[in-house]
Amino acid sequence: MNPLRQAFQPFHIFALAYKSPFDFKIYYKKLHLNIIILLFIIKYPYTLINYN
């Protein structure tokens, strides 16, 4: 299994909990933001180390 896909697996479980399309749109925006934050952490680890 793809390690990146495995990392995002919990998000897909939460996605199944949302039934209405409106709630799913809000969820998708939050998920998209989480992916950006996650990629930022992966791409710039030294920035976070120096920040602390």
Protein backbone atom coordinates (compact mmCIF):
# COMPACT_ATOMS: atom_id res chain seq x y z
CA MET A 1 0.00 0.00 0.00
CA ASN A 2 1.12 3.54 -0.77
CA PRO A 3 2.48 5.17 2.45
CA LEU A 4 0.93 8.56 1.55
CA ARG A 5 -2.45 6.94 0.87
CA GLN A 6 -2.18 5.07 4.16
CA ALA A 7 -1.53 8.38 5.94
CA PHE A 8 -4.75 9.87 4.53
CA GLN A 9 -6.84 6.75 5.20
CA PRO A 10 -8.40 8.12 8.46
CA PHE A 11 -9.71 11.14 6.51
CA HIS A 12 -11.64 8.84 4.16
CA ILE A 13 -13.29 7.15 7.15
CA PHE A 14 -14.47 10.60 8.34
CA ALA A 15 -15.71 11.37 4.82
CA LEU A 16 -18.13 8.43 5.01
CA ALA A 17 -19.72 9.94 8.14
CA TYR A 18 -20.95 12.96 6.18
CA LYS A 19 -24.23 12.28 4.36
CA SER A 20 -25.33 15.71 3.11
CA PRO A 21 -23.42 17.31 0.19
CA PHE A 22 -23.22 20.66 2.02
CA ASP A 23 -21.43 19.09 5.00
CA PHE A 24 -19.16 17.22 2.61
CA LYS A 25 -18.14 20.50 0.92
CA ILE A 26 -17.14 21.94 4.31
CA TYR A 27 -15.28 18.71 5.11
CA TYR A 28 -13.50 18.78 1.74
CA LYS A 29 -12.27 22.34 2.36
CA LYS A 30 -10.92 21.27 5.76
CA LEU A 31 -9.31 18.19 4.22
CA HIS A 32 -7.69 20.31 1.50
CA LEU A 33 -6.28 22.63 4.17
CA ASN A 34 -4.95 19.63 6.13
CA ILE A 35 -3.19 18.32 3.01
CA ILE A 36 -1.55 21.73 2.43
CA ILE A 37 -0.38 21.83 6.07
CA LEU A 38 0.87 18.24 5.84
CA LEU A 39 2.79 18.93 2.62
CA PHE A 40 4.26 22.07 4.21
CA ILE A 41 5.48 20.00 7.18
CA ILE A 42 7.00 17.39 4.83
CA LYS A 43 8.58 19.97 2.52
CA TYR A 44 9.93 22.35 5.18
CA PRO A 45 10.94 20.30 8.24
CA TYR A 46 13.95 22.49 9.05
CA THR A 47 11.75 25.60 9.24
CA LEU A 48 9.65 23.99 11.98
CA ILE A 49 12.73 22.79 13.89
CA ASN A 50 14.29 26.27 13.83
CA TYR A 51 10.97 27.86 14.81
CA ASN A 52 11.00 25.90 18.07
